[in-house]
Amino acid sequence: MKFTLKDGKEIVIREIILEDTQNALDYMAIVNSETKNLSREPEEWNMTFENEQSFIKKVMNSKDDYMLTAWDGELLIALAGFHGSSLQRLRHRSNLGISVLKKYHNLGLGTILMELLVEGAKDYGKKYLELEVRIDNPNAIHVYEKVGFVEEGRKKEAFFVDGKYVDLLFMAKKL
């Protein structure tokens, strides 16, 4: 699907495929070095091609996992998805994640991806989307609130980055 960002740039968003494996690895190496909002330090990103390909295959064949890619030409600029459980008692819930290259922040891409993930979750029969976000990340919190996520709680000192602890905000959206 084609979308136009706030700067007029046209991008393509589609589901992930096996041929995206190397691009996804390269993207994650970049995004992990650009932000401190993700779970790992840059040097902790050590996924092999085979592991990444297995992960993508799992997502592609799952009734509980879903992943989108966003492209500016041949450049992978964002990954977004949700991961759920096949267990009957948990199947209604999915945990959502999103990352966007810094150069593409504040152009509306996060909102577009979030809206697509919500629609995808509905198509997959999900009833509840949840996520965690650093309390000191107001731009992300704003995007999540814009698409209907609400705060459900906080986890004190859940992140340790740059020598200090940071609280995480738990947010969710009932579908």
N, C-alpha and C. Protein backbone atom coordinates (compact mmCIF):
# COMPACT_ATOMS: atom_id res chain seq x y z
N MET A 1 0.84 -1.17 0.00
CA MET A 1 0.00 0.00 0.00
C MET A 1 0.89 1.24 0.00
N LYS A 2 0.51 2.22 -0.74
CA LYS A 2 1.27 3.46 -0.81
C LYS A 2 0.65 4.51 0.12
N PHE A 3 1.53 5.27 0.76
CA PHE A 3 1.12 6.34 1.66
C PHE A 3 2.02 7.54 1.42
N THR A 4 1.49 8.72 1.70
CA THR A 4 2.27 9.94 1.58
C THR A 4 2.52 10.50 2.97
N LEU A 5 3.79 10.75 3.27
CA LEU A 5 4.18 11.32 4.56
C LEU A 5 3.96 12.83 4.56
N LYS A 6 4.08 13.43 5.73
CA LYS A 6 3.86 14.88 5.87
C LYS A 6 4.80 15.71 5.01
N ASP A 7 5.97 15.18 4.67
CA ASP A 7 6.92 15.93 3.84
C ASP A 7 6.68 15.71 2.35
N GLY A 8 5.61 14.97 2.00
CA GLY A 8 5.28 14.72 0.61
C GLY A 8 5.91 13.46 0.03
N LYS A 9 6.78 12.83 0.78
CA LYS A 9 7.44 11.60 0.30
C LYS A 9 6.46 10.45 0.28
N GLU A 10 6.48 9.70 -0.82
CA GLU A 10 5.61 8.53 -0.94
C GLU A 10 6.38 7.29 -0.51
N ILE A 11 5.74 6.50 0.34
CA ILE A 11 6.35 5.27 0.85
C ILE A 11 5.42 4.09 0.60
N VAL A 12 5.96 2.91 0.77
CA VAL A 12 5.17 1.68 0.62
C VAL A 12 5.21 0.94 1.95
N ILE A 13 4.05 0.47 2.39
CA ILE A 13 3.96 -0.36 3.59
C ILE A 13 3.34 -1.68 3.18
N ARG A 14 3.99 -2.76 3.61
CA ARG A 14 3.49 -4.09 3.28
C ARG A 14 3.92 -5.08 4.37
N GLU A 15 3.33 -6.26 4.35
CA GLU A 15 3.72 -7.30 5.29
C GLU A 15 5.13 -7.78 4.98
N ILE A 16 5.81 -8.25 6.00
CA ILE A 16 7.17 -8.74 5.84
C ILE A 16 7.17 -10.05 5.04
N ILE A 17 8.24 -10.26 4.24
CA ILE A 17 8.44 -11.48 3.47
C ILE A 17 9.87 -11.96 3.68
N LEU A 18 10.13 -13.21 3.35
CA LEU A 18 11.47 -13.80 3.56
C LEU A 18 12.58 -13.00 2.88
N GLU A 19 12.28 -12.44 1.72
CA GLU A 19 13.30 -11.67 1.00
C GLU A 19 13.72 -10.41 1.75
N ASP A 20 13.02 -10.06 2.82
CA ASP A 20 13.36 -8.88 3.62
C ASP A 20 14.40 -9.18 4.70
N THR A 21 14.84 -10.42 4.80
CA THR A 21 15.69 -10.82 5.92
C THR A 21 16.92 -9.93 6.09
N GLN A 22 17.72 -9.77 5.05
CA GLN A 22 18.95 -8.97 5.20
C GLN A 22 18.62 -7.51 5.47
N ASN A 23 17.60 -6.98 4.81
CA ASN A 23 17.19 -5.60 5.07
C ASN A 23 16.76 -5.41 6.52
N ALA A 24 16.04 -6.40 7.06
CA ALA A 24 15.60 -6.31 8.45
C ALA A 24 16.79 -6.33 9.40
N LEU A 25 17.78 -7.17 9.13
CA LEU A 25 18.99 -7.21 9.96
C LEU A 25 19.72 -5.88 9.91
N ASP A 26 19.89 -5.34 8.71
CA ASP A 26 20.58 -4.05 8.56
C ASP A 26 19.81 -2.93 9.25
N TYR A 27 18.49 -2.95 9.09
CA TYR A 27 17.64 -1.94 9.71
C TYR A 27 17.77 -1.98 11.23
N MET A 28 17.68 -3.17 11.81
CA MET A 28 17.75 -3.29 13.27
C MET A 28 19.10 -2.82 13.81
N ALA A 29 20.15 -3.07 13.08
CA ALA A 29 21.47 -2.59 13.51
C ALA A 29 21.48 -1.06 13.56
N ILE A 30 20.87 -0.43 12.58
CA ILE A 30 20.81 1.04 12.53
C ILE A 30 19.91 1.58 13.63
N VAL A 31 18.68 1.07 13.71
CA VAL A 31 17.70 1.63 14.66
C VAL A 31 18.16 1.42 16.10
N ASN A 32 18.82 0.29 16.38
CA ASN A 32 19.34 0.07 17.73
C ASN A 32 20.44 1.06 18.10
N SER A 33 21.15 1.57 17.10
CA SER A 33 22.19 2.56 17.38
C SER A 33 21.64 3.98 17.44
N GLU A 34 20.44 4.20 16.90
CA GLU A 34 19.85 5.53 16.85
C GLU A 34 19.01 5.89 18.07
N THR A 35 18.53 4.90 18.79
CA THR A 35 17.58 5.18 19.86
C THR A 35 17.94 4.42 21.13
N LYS A 36 17.51 4.97 22.23
CA LYS A 36 17.65 4.30 23.52
C LYS A 36 16.28 3.87 24.04
N ASN A 37 15.29 3.86 23.14
CA ASN A 37 13.93 3.49 23.51
C ASN A 37 13.63 2.02 23.31
N LEU A 38 14.53 1.29 22.68
CA LEU A 38 14.34 -0.15 22.48
C LEU A 38 15.02 -0.92 23.60
N SER A 39 14.76 -2.20 23.68
CA SER A 39 15.20 -3.01 24.81
C SER A 39 16.70 -3.27 24.88
N ARG A 40 17.39 -3.20 23.76
CA ARG A 40 18.79 -3.63 23.76
C ARG A 40 19.75 -2.52 23.39
N GLU A 41 20.98 -2.69 23.86
CA GLU A 41 22.08 -1.83 23.44
C GLU A 41 22.51 -2.26 22.04
N PRO A 42 23.10 -1.36 21.26
CA PRO A 42 23.49 -1.72 19.88
C PRO A 42 24.33 -2.99 19.79
N GLU A 43 25.27 -3.15 20.69
CA GLU A 43 26.15 -4.32 20.63
C GLU A 43 25.44 -5.61 21.04
N GLU A 44 24.25 -5.49 21.59
CA GLU A 44 23.48 -6.68 21.96
C GLU A 44 22.63 -7.22 20.80
N TRP A 45 22.60 -6.48 19.69
CA TRP A 45 21.88 -6.96 18.52
C TRP A 45 22.81 -7.92 17.79
N ASN A 46 22.54 -9.21 17.88
CA ASN A 46 23.42 -10.22 17.30
C ASN A 46 22.64 -11.31 16.57
N MET A 47 21.52 -10.97 16.03
CA MET A 47 20.69 -11.93 15.30
C MET A 47 21.42 -12.37 14.03
N THR A 48 21.47 -13.67 13.78
CA THR A 48 22.07 -14.17 12.55
C THR A 48 21.04 -14.16 11.43
N PHE A 49 21.51 -14.29 10.21
CA PHE A 49 20.63 -14.34 9.06
C PHE A 49 19.64 -15.49 9.22
N GLU A 50 20.13 -16.64 9.64
CA GLU A 50 19.29 -17.82 9.79
C GLU A 50 18.23 -17.62 10.88
N ASN A 51 18.66 -17.02 12.01
CA ASN A 51 17.70 -16.75 13.09
C ASN A 51 16.63 -15.77 12.65
N GLU A 52 17.03 -14.72 11.95
CA GLU A 52 16.08 -13.72 11.48
C GLU A 52 15.12 -14.34 10.47
N GLN A 53 15.65 -15.17 9.60
CA GLN A 53 14.79 -15.81 8.60
C GLN A 53 13.79 -16.75 9.27
N SER A 54 14.23 -17.46 10.30
CA SER A 54 13.31 -18.33 11.05
C SER A 54 12.22 -17.51 11.73
N PHE A 55 12.62 -16.36 12.29
CA PHE A 55 11.64 -15.48 12.94
C PHE A 55 10.61 -14.99 11.92
N ILE A 56 11.08 -14.56 10.75
CA ILE A 56 10.17 -14.06 9.71
C ILE A 56 9.23 -15.17 9.25
N LYS A 57 9.75 -16.37 9.06
CA LYS A 57 8.91 -17.51 8.66
C LYS A 57 7.82 -17.75 9.70
N LYS A 58 8.20 -17.70 10.97
CA LYS A 58 7.24 -17.90 12.06
C LYS A 58 6.12 -16.86 11.99
N VAL A 59 6.51 -15.60 11.80
CA VAL A 59 5.52 -14.52 11.70
C VAL A 59 4.60 -14.75 10.50
N MET A 60 5.18 -15.08 9.37
CA MET A 60 4.40 -15.26 8.15
C MET A 60 3.40 -16.41 8.25
N ASN A 61 3.72 -17.42 9.05
CA ASN A 61 2.86 -18.60 9.15
C ASN A 61 2.00 -18.61 10.40
N SER A 62 2.01 -17.52 11.14
CA SER A 62 1.31 -17.46 12.41
C SER A 62 -0.08 -16.86 12.28
N LYS A 63 -0.97 -17.32 13.16
CA LYS A 63 -2.29 -16.71 13.28
C LYS A 63 -2.32 -15.70 14.42
N ASP A 64 -1.16 -15.54 15.09
CA ASP A 64 -1.09 -14.66 16.25
C ASP A 64 -0.03 -13.56 16.13
N ASP A 65 0.82 -13.65 15.11
CA ASP A 65 1.88 -12.66 14.90
C ASP A 65 1.68 -11.98 13.56
N TYR A 66 2.08 -10.72 13.50
CA TYR A 66 1.87 -9.91 12.29
C TYR A 66 2.96 -8.86 12.24
N MET A 67 3.57 -8.66 11.08
CA MET A 67 4.63 -7.68 10.98
C MET A 67 4.55 -6.92 9.67
N LEU A 68 4.68 -5.60 9.79
CA LEU A 68 4.67 -4.70 8.64
C LEU A 68 6.06 -4.11 8.44
N THR A 69 6.36 -3.84 7.17
CA THR A 69 7.59 -3.13 6.80
C THR A 69 7.19 -1.85 6.07
N ALA A 70 7.97 -0.80 6.27
CA ALA A 70 7.74 0.46 5.54
C ALA A 70 9.00 0.76 4.73
N TRP A 71 8.82 1.17 3.50
CA TRP A 71 9.92 1.34 2.56
C TRP A 71 9.89 2.71 1.90
N ASP A 72 11.07 3.32 1.83
CA ASP A 72 11.31 4.51 1.01
C ASP A 72 12.19 4.02 -0.13
N GLY A 73 11.58 3.68 -1.24
CA GLY A 73 12.32 3.05 -2.33
C GLY A 73 12.80 1.68 -1.86
N GLU A 74 14.12 1.48 -1.91
CA GLU A 74 14.72 0.21 -1.49
C GLU A 74 15.15 0.21 -0.03
N LEU A 75 14.93 1.32 0.67
CA LEU A 75 15.37 1.46 2.06
C LEU A 75 14.25 1.10 3.02
N LEU A 76 14.52 0.13 3.88
CA LEU A 76 13.58 -0.23 4.95
C LEU A 76 13.67 0.86 6.02
N ILE A 77 12.54 1.53 6.29
CA ILE A 77 12.56 2.69 7.19
C ILE A 77 11.79 2.46 8.49
N ALA A 78 11.02 1.37 8.57
CA ALA A 78 10.28 1.08 9.79
C ALA A 78 9.85 -0.37 9.82
N LEU A 79 9.77 -0.89 11.03
CA LEU A 79 9.19 -2.21 11.30
C LEU A 79 8.15 -2.04 12.39
N ALA A 80 7.05 -2.74 12.24
CA ALA A 80 6.00 -2.65 13.25
C ALA A 80 5.24 -3.97 13.24
N GLY A 81 4.83 -4.40 14.41
CA GLY A 81 4.09 -5.65 14.45
C GLY A 81 3.49 -5.93 15.80
N PHE A 82 2.77 -7.03 15.87
CA PHE A 82 2.28 -7.50 17.14
C PHE A 82 2.53 -9.00 17.23
N HIS A 83 2.71 -9.43 18.46
CA HIS A 83 3.00 -10.83 18.73
C HIS A 83 2.08 -11.30 19.85
N GLY A 84 1.42 -12.41 19.60
CA GLY A 84 0.47 -12.92 20.56
C GLY A 84 0.77 -14.36 20.92
N SER A 85 -0.17 -14.96 21.58
CA SER A 85 -0.05 -16.33 22.05
C SER A 85 -1.15 -17.16 21.40
N SER A 86 -0.84 -18.44 21.18
CA SER A 86 -1.87 -19.35 20.67
C SER A 86 -2.64 -20.01 21.81
N LEU A 87 -2.23 -19.73 23.05
CA LEU A 87 -2.94 -20.28 24.20
C LEU A 87 -4.33 -19.68 24.30
N GLN A 88 -5.31 -20.51 24.50
CA GLN A 88 -6.71 -20.08 24.51
C GLN A 88 -6.95 -18.91 25.47
N ARG A 89 -6.36 -18.97 26.66
CA ARG A 89 -6.61 -17.94 27.66
C ARG A 89 -5.93 -16.61 27.35
N LEU A 90 -4.96 -16.63 26.45
CA LEU A 90 -4.20 -15.41 26.13
C LEU A 90 -4.36 -14.96 24.68
N ARG A 91 -5.01 -15.77 23.88
CA ARG A 91 -5.08 -15.52 22.44
C ARG A 91 -5.71 -14.17 22.08
N HIS A 92 -6.56 -13.63 22.93
CA HIS A 92 -7.25 -12.37 22.64
C HIS A 92 -6.31 -11.16 22.73
N ARG A 93 -5.13 -11.35 23.32
CA ARG A 93 -4.18 -10.24 23.56
C ARG A 93 -2.98 -10.34 22.63
N SER A 94 -2.42 -9.19 22.31
CA SER A 94 -1.16 -9.15 21.56
C SER A 94 -0.33 -7.98 22.05
N ASN A 95 0.98 -8.19 22.06
CA ASN A 95 1.91 -7.14 22.43
C ASN A 95 2.43 -6.48 21.16
N LEU A 96 2.38 -5.18 21.15
CA LEU A 96 2.69 -4.40 19.95
C LEU A 96 4.06 -3.74 20.06
N GLY A 97 4.76 -3.67 18.94
CA GLY A 97 6.04 -2.98 18.89
C GLY A 97 6.19 -2.24 17.58
N ILE A 98 6.92 -1.12 17.64
CA ILE A 98 7.11 -0.30 16.45
C ILE A 98 8.46 0.42 16.58
N SER A 99 9.15 0.54 15.44
CA SER A 99 10.37 1.34 15.40
C SER A 99 10.45 2.01 14.03
N VAL A 100 11.00 3.22 14.03
CA VAL A 100 11.11 4.02 12.81
C VAL A 100 12.49 4.67 12.80
N LEU A 101 13.15 4.64 11.64
CA LEU A 101 14.44 5.32 11.55
C LEU A 101 14.28 6.80 11.91
N LYS A 102 15.27 7.33 12.59
CA LYS A 102 15.21 8.70 13.11
C LYS A 102 14.90 9.73 12.03
N LYS A 103 15.45 9.56 10.85
CA LYS A 103 15.24 10.49 9.74
C LYS A 103 13.75 10.61 9.37
N TYR A 104 12.96 9.60 9.73
CA TYR A 104 11.54 9.55 9.36
C TYR A 104 10.61 9.84 10.53
N HIS A 105 11.17 10.31 11.64
CA HIS A 105 10.34 10.69 12.79
C HIS A 105 9.55 11.95 12.46
N ASN A 106 8.41 12.10 13.09
CA ASN A 106 7.56 13.29 13.01
C ASN A 106 7.02 13.56 11.60
N LEU A 107 6.88 12.52 10.81
CA LEU A 107 6.32 12.66 9.46
C LEU A 107 4.97 11.95 9.31
N GLY A 108 4.44 11.43 10.43
CA GLY A 108 3.15 10.75 10.39
C GLY A 108 3.25 9.25 10.18
N LEU A 109 4.46 8.73 10.00
CA LEU A 109 4.62 7.30 9.73
C LEU A 109 4.20 6.45 10.93
N GLY A 110 4.55 6.87 12.12
CA GLY A 110 4.16 6.11 13.31
C GLY A 110 2.65 5.96 13.43
N THR A 111 1.94 7.03 13.17
CA THR A 111 0.48 6.99 13.24
C THR A 111 -0.09 6.06 12.17
N ILE A 112 0.43 6.15 10.96
CA ILE A 112 -0.04 5.26 9.88
C ILE A 112 0.18 3.81 10.27
N LEU A 113 1.37 3.50 10.76
CA LEU A 113 1.67 2.12 11.14
C LEU A 113 0.78 1.64 12.28
N MET A 114 0.58 2.49 13.27
CA MET A 114 -0.27 2.11 14.40
C MET A 114 -1.70 1.82 13.93
N GLU A 115 -2.23 2.65 13.06
CA GLU A 115 -3.58 2.43 12.55
C GLU A 115 -3.66 1.12 11.77
N LEU A 116 -2.64 0.82 10.99
CA LEU A 116 -2.61 -0.44 10.24
C LEU A 116 -2.51 -1.64 11.17
N LEU A 117 -1.73 -1.51 12.24
CA LEU A 117 -1.61 -2.61 13.21
C LEU A 117 -2.94 -2.86 13.92
N VAL A 118 -3.65 -1.80 14.26
CA VAL A 118 -4.96 -1.95 14.91
C VAL A 118 -5.91 -2.70 13.97
N GLU A 119 -5.92 -2.32 12.70
CA GLU A 119 -6.79 -3.00 11.74
C GLU A 119 -6.36 -4.46 11.56
N GLY A 120 -5.05 -4.69 11.50
CA GLY A 120 -4.55 -6.06 11.39
C GLY A 120 -4.94 -6.90 12.59
N ALA A 121 -4.85 -6.32 13.78
CA ALA A 121 -5.22 -7.05 15.00
C ALA A 121 -6.71 -7.42 14.97
N LYS A 122 -7.53 -6.51 14.51
CA LYS A 122 -8.96 -6.81 14.39
C LYS A 122 -9.17 -7.97 13.41
N ASP A 123 -8.46 -7.92 12.27
CA ASP A 123 -8.58 -8.99 11.28
C ASP A 123 -8.14 -10.34 11.84
N TYR A 124 -7.21 -10.32 12.77
CA TYR A 124 -6.71 -11.55 13.40
C TYR A 124 -7.57 -11.97 14.59
N GLY A 125 -8.62 -11.24 14.86
CA GLY A 125 -9.53 -11.60 15.93
C GLY A 125 -9.04 -11.20 17.31
N LYS A 126 -8.06 -10.30 17.37
CA LYS A 126 -7.55 -9.84 18.66
C LYS A 126 -8.56 -8.88 19.28
N LYS A 127 -8.58 -8.86 20.60
CA LYS A 127 -9.51 -7.99 21.33
C LYS A 127 -8.79 -6.93 22.14
N TYR A 128 -7.47 -7.08 22.29
CA TYR A 128 -6.75 -6.23 23.22
C TYR A 128 -5.30 -6.11 22.76
N LEU A 129 -4.85 -4.90 22.51
CA LEU A 129 -3.45 -4.64 22.15
C LEU A 129 -2.77 -3.95 23.32
N GLU A 130 -1.56 -4.35 23.62
CA GLU A 130 -0.83 -3.75 24.74
C GLU A 130 0.60 -3.43 24.31
N LEU A 131 1.21 -2.48 25.01
CA LEU A 131 2.59 -2.10 24.71
C LEU A 131 3.21 -1.48 25.95
N GLU A 132 4.52 -1.36 25.92
CA GLU A 132 5.28 -0.67 26.96
C GLU A 132 6.07 0.43 26.28
N VAL A 133 6.18 1.58 26.95
CA VAL A 133 6.91 2.71 26.40
C VAL A 133 7.60 3.45 27.54
N ARG A 134 8.80 3.93 27.25
CA ARG A 134 9.50 4.71 28.27
C ARG A 134 8.68 5.94 28.62
N ILE A 135 8.60 6.22 29.91
CA ILE A 135 7.80 7.34 30.40
C ILE A 135 8.33 8.69 29.87
N ASP A 136 9.60 8.72 29.49
CA ASP A 136 10.21 9.95 28.99
C ASP A 136 10.25 9.98 27.45
N ASN A 137 9.30 9.33 26.81
CA ASN A 137 9.19 9.33 25.35
C ASN A 137 7.83 9.91 24.95
N PRO A 138 7.67 11.24 25.11
CA PRO A 138 6.36 11.85 24.88
C PRO A 138 5.87 11.75 23.44
N ASN A 139 6.77 11.73 22.47
CA ASN A 139 6.33 11.63 21.07
C ASN A 139 5.65 10.30 20.81
N ALA A 140 6.23 9.22 21.30
CA ALA A 140 5.61 7.90 21.12
C ALA A 140 4.30 7.82 21.88
N ILE A 141 4.29 8.30 23.11
CA ILE A 141 3.06 8.27 23.91
C ILE A 141 1.95 9.03 23.20
N HIS A 142 2.28 10.16 22.60
CA HIS A 142 1.29 10.95 21.85
C HIS A 142 0.70 10.15 20.69
N VAL A 143 1.56 9.46 19.94
CA VAL A 143 1.07 8.65 18.82
C VAL A 143 0.15 7.55 19.32
N TYR A 144 0.54 6.88 20.40
CA TYR A 144 -0.28 5.79 20.93
C TYR A 144 -1.64 6.32 21.41
N GLU A 145 -1.62 7.45 22.09
CA GLU A 145 -2.88 8.03 22.55
C GLU A 145 -3.76 8.46 21.38
N LYS A 146 -3.13 8.96 20.32
CA LYS A 146 -3.87 9.42 19.16
C LYS A 146 -4.69 8.30 18.52
N VAL A 147 -4.18 7.06 18.61
CA VAL A 147 -4.91 5.93 18.02
C VAL A 147 -5.71 5.15 19.07
N GLY A 148 -5.85 5.73 20.27
CA GLY A 148 -6.77 5.18 21.25
C GLY A 148 -6.18 4.36 22.38
N PHE A 149 -4.86 4.31 22.51
CA PHE A 149 -4.27 3.61 23.64
C PHE A 149 -4.39 4.46 24.89
N VAL A 150 -4.58 3.80 26.03
CA VAL A 150 -4.69 4.48 27.31
C VAL A 150 -3.69 3.87 28.29
N GLU A 151 -3.29 4.67 29.26
CA GLU A 151 -2.37 4.20 30.29
C GLU A 151 -3.08 3.21 31.19
N GLU A 152 -2.40 2.09 31.46
CA GLU A 152 -2.94 1.10 32.38
C GLU A 152 -2.08 0.94 33.63
N GLY A 153 -0.87 1.45 33.59
CA GLY A 153 -0.01 1.33 34.75
C GLY A 153 1.43 1.68 34.43
N ARG A 154 2.25 1.61 35.45
CA ARG A 154 3.68 1.92 35.32
C ARG A 154 4.49 0.85 36.00
N LYS A 155 5.65 0.61 35.45
CA LYS A 155 6.61 -0.29 36.09
C LYS A 155 7.83 0.56 36.44
N LYS A 156 8.05 0.70 37.73
CA LYS A 156 9.13 1.55 38.23
C LYS A 156 10.50 0.96 37.87
N GLU A 157 11.38 1.82 37.43
CA GLU A 157 12.78 1.47 37.15
C GLU A 157 12.92 0.23 36.27
N ALA A 158 12.08 0.11 35.26
CA ALA A 158 12.08 -1.07 34.40
C ALA A 158 13.17 -1.04 33.35
N PHE A 159 13.67 0.12 33.03
CA PHE A 159 14.75 0.30 32.05
C PHE A 159 15.96 0.86 32.78
N PHE A 160 17.14 0.43 32.38
CA PHE A 160 18.38 1.01 32.90
C PHE A 160 19.19 1.43 31.69
N VAL A 161 19.33 2.73 31.50
CA VAL A 161 20.02 3.25 30.32
C VAL A 161 20.81 4.49 30.71
N ASP A 162 22.01 4.60 30.19
CA ASP A 162 22.89 5.73 30.47
C ASP A 162 23.08 5.95 31.97
N GLY A 163 23.18 4.87 32.71
CA GLY A 163 23.47 4.96 34.14
C GLY A 163 22.30 5.36 35.02
N LYS A 164 21.09 5.36 34.46
CA LYS A 164 19.94 5.72 35.30
C LYS A 164 18.75 4.82 34.97
N TYR A 165 17.87 4.70 35.95
CA TYR A 165 16.65 3.91 35.78
C TYR A 165 15.55 4.79 35.21
N VAL A 166 14.73 4.18 34.36
CA VAL A 166 13.61 4.87 33.73
C VAL A 166 12.37 4.00 33.88
N ASP A 167 11.26 4.62 34.25
CA ASP A 167 9.99 3.90 34.39
C ASP A 167 9.41 3.60 33.00
N LEU A 168 8.67 2.50 32.93
CA LEU A 168 7.92 2.16 31.72
C LEU A 168 6.45 2.39 31.98
N LEU A 169 5.78 2.88 30.97
CA LEU A 169 4.34 3.09 30.99
C LEU A 169 3.69 1.93 30.24
N PHE A 170 2.74 1.28 30.86
CA PHE A 170 1.97 0.23 30.18
C PHE A 170 0.74 0.90 29.59
N MET A 171 0.53 0.65 28.29
CA MET A 171 -0.63 1.21 27.59
C MET A 171 -1.35 0.08 26.85
N ALA A 172 -2.65 0.26 26.67
CA ALA A 172 -3.42 -0.76 25.98
C ALA A 172 -4.59 -0.12 25.23
N LYS A 173 -5.10 -0.88 24.29
CA LYS A 173 -6.28 -0.46 23.53
C LYS A 173 -7.18 -1.67 23.39
N LYS A 174 -8.41 -1.50 23.83
CA LYS A 174 -9.42 -2.53 23.65
C LYS A 174 -10.01 -2.35 22.26
N LEU A 175 -10.08 -3.45 21.51
CA LEU A 175 -10.56 -3.36 20.13
C LEU A 175 -12.04 -3.71 20.04
